[in-house]
Amino acid sequence: MNGTPAPVTGTWVHAFEEDTPAEAVYRPEGHPLPPARRPRRRLEFRADGTLTERRPAPDDRLAEREGRWERRGPGRVAVAFPGGHGAPVAVSVSSAGDRLVVER
């Protein structure tokens, strides 16, 4: 981790209106998003390399799963969830730090 947090640290909220078939788009918590009928997925990246994903469960509450992230170059990280709970994914952050993209 080099002791320096990557620009990915913090909480990101799924802006599904901006998704494409190849990527899911997230915005920093506090970024203005339109109202949504369903809860929005959230990713919380911590400086220690851990993360929490909060995603809508069948009852519309947010279910949590823990994972890890590590830097893979400027503005890029890899995310993995232990115990076979999801395949590793690549994540990139815009140079302005206002858009996080998860590759599908």
N, C-alpha and C. Protein backbone atom coordinates (compact mmCIF):
# COMPACT_ATOMS: atom_id res chain seq x y z
N MET A 1 0.80 -1.19 0.00
CA MET A 1 0.00 0.00 0.00
C MET A 1 0.85 1.26 0.00
N ASN A 2 2.09 1.20 0.30
CA ASN A 2 3.02 2.32 0.33
C ASN A 2 2.69 3.35 1.40
N GLY A 3 1.68 3.13 2.25
CA GLY A 3 1.33 4.07 3.29
C GLY A 3 0.57 5.29 2.83
N THR A 4 0.40 5.46 1.50
CA THR A 4 -0.32 6.63 0.99
C THR A 4 -1.65 6.18 0.41
N PRO A 5 -2.75 6.73 0.93
CA PRO A 5 -4.05 6.34 0.38
C PRO A 5 -4.17 6.72 -1.09
N ALA A 6 -4.71 5.82 -1.89
CA ALA A 6 -5.00 6.12 -3.29
C ALA A 6 -6.20 7.04 -3.34
N PRO A 7 -6.43 7.72 -4.45
CA PRO A 7 -7.57 8.62 -4.54
C PRO A 7 -8.92 7.91 -4.44
N VAL A 8 -8.89 6.61 -4.35
CA VAL A 8 -10.12 5.83 -4.28
C VAL A 8 -10.72 5.81 -2.86
N THR A 9 -9.95 6.15 -1.84
CA THR A 9 -10.45 6.05 -0.47
C THR A 9 -11.65 6.95 -0.27
N GLY A 10 -12.58 6.44 0.54
CA GLY A 10 -13.83 7.15 0.80
C GLY A 10 -15.01 6.30 0.39
N THR A 11 -16.19 6.90 0.44
CA THR A 11 -17.42 6.18 0.08
C THR A 11 -17.91 6.66 -1.27
N TRP A 12 -18.24 5.69 -2.13
CA TRP A 12 -18.70 5.94 -3.48
C TRP A 12 -20.11 5.37 -3.63
N VAL A 13 -20.97 6.09 -4.34
CA VAL A 13 -22.38 5.72 -4.51
C VAL A 13 -22.63 5.40 -5.98
N HIS A 14 -23.35 4.30 -6.23
CA HIS A 14 -23.61 3.85 -7.60
C HIS A 14 -24.53 4.85 -8.32
N ALA A 15 -24.03 5.41 -9.40
CA ALA A 15 -24.81 6.31 -10.27
C ALA A 15 -25.25 5.48 -11.47
N PHE A 16 -26.19 4.56 -11.25
CA PHE A 16 -26.56 3.59 -12.29
C PHE A 16 -27.08 4.25 -13.57
N GLU A 17 -27.51 5.50 -13.47
CA GLU A 17 -27.97 6.21 -14.66
C GLU A 17 -26.83 6.43 -15.67
N GLU A 18 -25.59 6.39 -15.17
CA GLU A 18 -24.41 6.61 -16.01
C GLU A 18 -23.75 5.32 -16.47
N ASP A 19 -24.27 4.17 -16.05
CA ASP A 19 -23.67 2.88 -16.42
C ASP A 19 -23.68 2.66 -17.93
N THR A 20 -22.73 1.85 -18.38
CA THR A 20 -22.71 1.36 -19.75
C THR A 20 -22.67 -0.16 -19.67
N PRO A 21 -22.82 -0.86 -20.78
CA PRO A 21 -22.72 -2.32 -20.72
C PRO A 21 -21.37 -2.82 -20.20
N ALA A 22 -20.31 -2.01 -20.33
CA ALA A 22 -18.97 -2.43 -19.93
C ALA A 22 -18.54 -1.94 -18.56
N GLU A 23 -19.25 -0.93 -17.99
CA GLU A 23 -18.81 -0.36 -16.72
C GLU A 23 -19.96 0.12 -15.85
N ALA A 24 -19.73 0.00 -14.55
CA ALA A 24 -20.64 0.56 -13.55
C ALA A 24 -19.98 1.82 -13.02
N VAL A 25 -20.75 2.90 -12.92
CA VAL A 25 -20.20 4.20 -12.53
C VAL A 25 -20.63 4.55 -11.11
N TYR A 26 -19.69 5.03 -10.34
CA TYR A 26 -19.92 5.47 -8.96
C TYR A 26 -19.46 6.91 -8.83
N ARG A 27 -20.11 7.65 -7.93
CA ARG A 27 -19.75 9.04 -7.64
C ARG A 27 -19.44 9.15 -6.15
N PRO A 28 -18.62 10.14 -5.76
CA PRO A 28 -18.31 10.29 -4.33
C PRO A 28 -19.59 10.58 -3.53
N GLU A 29 -19.63 10.06 -2.31
CA GLU A 29 -20.77 10.34 -1.44
C GLU A 29 -20.92 11.86 -1.33
N GLY A 30 -22.14 12.35 -1.45
CA GLY A 30 -22.40 13.78 -1.42
C GLY A 30 -22.57 14.39 -2.80
N HIS A 31 -22.16 13.66 -3.85
CA HIS A 31 -22.36 14.13 -5.23
C HIS A 31 -23.86 14.13 -5.52
N PRO A 32 -24.39 15.18 -6.13
CA PRO A 32 -25.84 15.21 -6.39
C PRO A 32 -26.26 14.13 -7.40
N LEU A 33 -27.19 13.28 -6.97
CA LEU A 33 -27.76 12.24 -7.82
C LEU A 33 -29.28 12.37 -7.77
N PRO A 34 -29.95 11.98 -8.85
CA PRO A 34 -31.41 12.04 -8.82
C PRO A 34 -31.98 11.03 -7.84
N PRO A 35 -33.20 11.26 -7.35
CA PRO A 35 -33.84 10.27 -6.47
C PRO A 35 -33.98 8.92 -7.18
N ALA A 36 -33.92 7.86 -6.40
CA ALA A 36 -34.05 6.51 -6.95
C ALA A 36 -35.07 5.72 -6.14
N ARG A 37 -35.80 4.84 -6.81
CA ARG A 37 -36.80 4.01 -6.13
C ARG A 37 -36.15 2.91 -5.29
N ARG A 38 -34.98 2.48 -5.68
CA ARG A 38 -34.27 1.42 -4.95
C ARG A 38 -33.05 2.01 -4.26
N PRO A 39 -32.59 1.37 -3.21
CA PRO A 39 -31.36 1.86 -2.56
C PRO A 39 -30.17 1.76 -3.52
N ARG A 40 -29.29 2.69 -3.43
CA ARG A 40 -28.11 2.69 -4.29
C ARG A 40 -26.97 1.91 -3.62
N ARG A 41 -26.29 1.12 -4.42
CA ARG A 41 -25.12 0.38 -3.95
C ARG A 41 -24.04 1.37 -3.54
N ARG A 42 -23.26 1.01 -2.52
CA ARG A 42 -22.17 1.85 -2.03
C ARG A 42 -20.90 1.02 -1.87
N LEU A 43 -19.78 1.66 -2.12
CA LEU A 43 -18.46 1.05 -1.90
C LEU A 43 -17.69 1.98 -0.98
N GLU A 44 -17.22 1.45 0.13
CA GLU A 44 -16.42 2.24 1.06
C GLU A 44 -15.00 1.68 1.08
N PHE A 45 -14.07 2.44 0.50
CA PHE A 45 -12.65 2.06 0.46
C PHE A 45 -11.94 2.74 1.62
N ARG A 46 -11.24 1.94 2.42
CA ARG A 46 -10.48 2.49 3.55
C ARG A 46 -8.99 2.45 3.22
N ALA A 47 -8.24 3.36 3.82
CA ALA A 47 -6.80 3.50 3.56
C ALA A 47 -6.01 2.25 3.92
N ASP A 48 -6.55 1.39 4.79
CA ASP A 48 -5.82 0.18 5.19
C ASP A 48 -5.96 -0.97 4.21
N GLY A 49 -6.63 -0.73 3.06
CA GLY A 49 -6.78 -1.78 2.04
C GLY A 49 -8.03 -2.62 2.19
N THR A 50 -8.89 -2.29 3.13
CA THR A 50 -10.15 -3.01 3.25
C THR A 50 -11.26 -2.19 2.60
N LEU A 51 -12.35 -2.87 2.29
CA LEU A 51 -13.50 -2.17 1.75
C LEU A 51 -14.77 -2.88 2.18
N THR A 52 -15.86 -2.14 2.17
CA THR A 52 -17.17 -2.69 2.44
C THR A 52 -18.06 -2.35 1.27
N GLU A 53 -18.71 -3.36 0.71
CA GLU A 53 -19.70 -3.14 -0.33
C GLU A 53 -21.07 -3.26 0.34
N ARG A 54 -21.92 -2.29 0.09
CA ARG A 54 -23.30 -2.33 0.58
C ARG A 54 -24.20 -2.36 -0.65
N ARG A 55 -24.97 -3.45 -0.78
CA ARG A 55 -25.82 -3.61 -1.96
C ARG A 55 -27.24 -3.95 -1.53
N PRO A 56 -28.22 -3.56 -2.34
CA PRO A 56 -29.61 -3.85 -1.99
C PRO A 56 -29.85 -5.36 -1.86
N ALA A 57 -30.48 -5.74 -0.76
CA ALA A 57 -30.86 -7.13 -0.52
C ALA A 57 -32.32 -7.30 -0.98
N PRO A 58 -32.84 -8.52 -1.00
CA PRO A 58 -34.23 -8.74 -1.44
C PRO A 58 -35.26 -7.90 -0.68
N ASP A 59 -34.96 -7.55 0.56
CA ASP A 59 -35.92 -6.75 1.34
C ASP A 59 -35.63 -5.25 1.25
N ASP A 60 -34.78 -4.85 0.29
CA ASP A 60 -34.41 -3.46 0.03
C ASP A 60 -33.51 -2.83 1.09
N ARG A 61 -33.14 -3.56 2.13
CA ARG A 61 -32.10 -3.05 3.03
C ARG A 61 -30.76 -3.28 2.36
N LEU A 62 -29.74 -2.61 2.84
CA LEU A 62 -28.42 -2.79 2.27
C LEU A 62 -27.68 -3.92 3.00
N ALA A 63 -27.28 -4.93 2.25
CA ALA A 63 -26.50 -6.04 2.79
C ALA A 63 -25.02 -5.72 2.58
N GLU A 64 -24.19 -6.09 3.54
CA GLU A 64 -22.76 -5.79 3.48
C GLU A 64 -21.93 -7.02 3.16
N ARG A 65 -20.84 -6.80 2.44
CA ARG A 65 -19.80 -7.82 2.30
C ARG A 65 -18.47 -7.12 2.32
N GLU A 66 -17.52 -7.77 2.95
CA GLU A 66 -16.19 -7.20 3.15
C GLU A 66 -15.24 -7.70 2.08
N GLY A 67 -14.32 -6.86 1.68
CA GLY A 67 -13.32 -7.23 0.69
C GLY A 67 -12.02 -6.50 0.94
N ARG A 68 -11.14 -6.61 -0.04
CA ARG A 68 -9.83 -5.95 0.04
C ARG A 68 -9.56 -5.29 -1.30
N TRP A 69 -8.74 -4.24 -1.25
CA TRP A 69 -8.34 -3.58 -2.48
C TRP A 69 -6.84 -3.30 -2.41
N GLU A 70 -6.22 -3.19 -3.59
CA GLU A 70 -4.82 -2.81 -3.65
C GLU A 70 -4.57 -2.03 -4.93
N ARG A 71 -3.60 -1.14 -4.85
CA ARG A 71 -3.26 -0.31 -6.01
C ARG A 71 -2.67 -1.15 -7.13
N ARG A 72 -3.02 -0.74 -8.34
CA ARG A 72 -2.46 -1.38 -9.54
C ARG A 72 -1.97 -0.33 -10.52
N GLY A 73 -1.51 0.79 -9.99
CA GLY A 73 -1.02 1.88 -10.84
C GLY A 73 -1.79 3.15 -10.54
N PRO A 74 -1.40 4.25 -11.17
CA PRO A 74 -2.06 5.53 -10.90
C PRO A 74 -3.56 5.47 -11.22
N GLY A 75 -4.37 5.74 -10.22
CA GLY A 75 -5.81 5.79 -10.43
C GLY A 75 -6.47 4.45 -10.67
N ARG A 76 -5.77 3.33 -10.47
CA ARG A 76 -6.34 2.00 -10.70
C ARG A 76 -6.13 1.12 -9.48
N VAL A 77 -7.13 0.34 -9.14
CA VAL A 77 -7.04 -0.61 -8.04
C VAL A 77 -7.72 -1.91 -8.45
N ALA A 78 -7.36 -2.98 -7.77
CA ALA A 78 -8.02 -4.26 -7.93
C ALA A 78 -8.78 -4.55 -6.65
N VAL A 79 -9.98 -5.08 -6.79
CA VAL A 79 -10.84 -5.40 -5.65
C VAL A 79 -11.08 -6.90 -5.65
N ALA A 80 -11.00 -7.53 -4.47
CA ALA A 80 -11.29 -8.96 -4.33
C ALA A 80 -12.11 -9.18 -3.07
N PHE A 81 -13.00 -10.15 -3.16
CA PHE A 81 -13.82 -10.54 -2.02
C PHE A 81 -13.44 -11.96 -1.61
N PRO A 82 -12.95 -12.14 -0.37
CA PRO A 82 -12.50 -13.46 0.07
C PRO A 82 -13.65 -14.47 0.16
N GLY A 83 -13.27 -15.72 0.17
CA GLY A 83 -14.26 -16.79 0.35
C GLY A 83 -15.10 -17.06 -0.88
N GLY A 84 -14.62 -16.66 -2.06
CA GLY A 84 -15.36 -16.94 -3.28
C GLY A 84 -16.62 -16.11 -3.45
N HIS A 85 -16.72 -15.00 -2.75
CA HIS A 85 -17.90 -14.14 -2.85
C HIS A 85 -17.70 -13.09 -3.94
N GLY A 86 -17.64 -13.50 -5.18
CA GLY A 86 -17.47 -12.57 -6.29
C GLY A 86 -16.08 -12.63 -6.86
N ALA A 87 -16.01 -12.43 -8.16
CA ALA A 87 -14.73 -12.44 -8.86
C ALA A 87 -14.00 -11.12 -8.63
N PRO A 88 -12.67 -11.14 -8.67
CA PRO A 88 -11.92 -9.88 -8.55
C PRO A 88 -12.32 -8.92 -9.67
N VAL A 89 -12.34 -7.64 -9.40
CA VAL A 89 -12.70 -6.64 -10.41
C VAL A 89 -11.65 -5.54 -10.44
N ALA A 90 -11.57 -4.87 -11.60
CA ALA A 90 -10.67 -3.74 -11.76
C ALA A 90 -11.47 -2.46 -11.61
N VAL A 91 -10.89 -1.49 -10.93
CA VAL A 91 -11.55 -0.22 -10.66
C VAL A 91 -10.61 0.90 -11.08
N SER A 92 -11.16 1.95 -11.71
CA SER A 92 -10.36 3.12 -12.03
C SER A 92 -11.06 4.37 -11.53
N VAL A 93 -10.28 5.40 -11.23
CA VAL A 93 -10.80 6.66 -10.71
C VAL A 93 -10.36 7.76 -11.66
N SER A 94 -11.29 8.67 -11.99
CA SER A 94 -10.95 9.78 -12.88
C SER A 94 -9.88 10.66 -12.24
N SER A 95 -9.13 11.35 -13.08
CA SER A 95 -8.08 12.21 -12.55
C SER A 95 -8.65 13.33 -11.69
N ALA A 96 -9.91 13.72 -11.92
CA ALA A 96 -10.55 14.75 -11.10
C ALA A 96 -11.04 14.18 -9.78
N GLY A 97 -11.05 12.84 -9.66
CA GLY A 97 -11.47 12.20 -8.41
C GLY A 97 -12.97 12.25 -8.18
N ASP A 98 -13.76 12.47 -9.26
CA ASP A 98 -15.20 12.58 -9.09
C ASP A 98 -15.96 11.46 -9.78
N ARG A 99 -15.25 10.45 -10.28
CA ARG A 99 -15.92 9.35 -10.98
C ARG A 99 -15.09 8.08 -10.80
N LEU A 100 -15.73 7.05 -10.29
CA LEU A 100 -15.09 5.75 -10.10
C LEU A 100 -15.79 4.77 -11.03
N VAL A 101 -15.04 3.98 -11.76
CA VAL A 101 -15.60 3.04 -12.74
C VAL A 101 -15.19 1.63 -12.36
N VAL A 102 -16.19 0.75 -12.26
CA VAL A 102 -15.95 -0.67 -12.02
C VAL A 102 -16.17 -1.40 -13.34
N GLU A 103 -15.14 -2.09 -13.81
CA GLU A 103 -15.26 -2.83 -15.06
C GLU A 103 -16.09 -4.08 -14.84
N ARG A 104 -16.99 -4.34 -15.77
CA ARG A 104 -17.86 -5.52 -15.66
C ARG A 104 -17.26 -6.72 -16.32
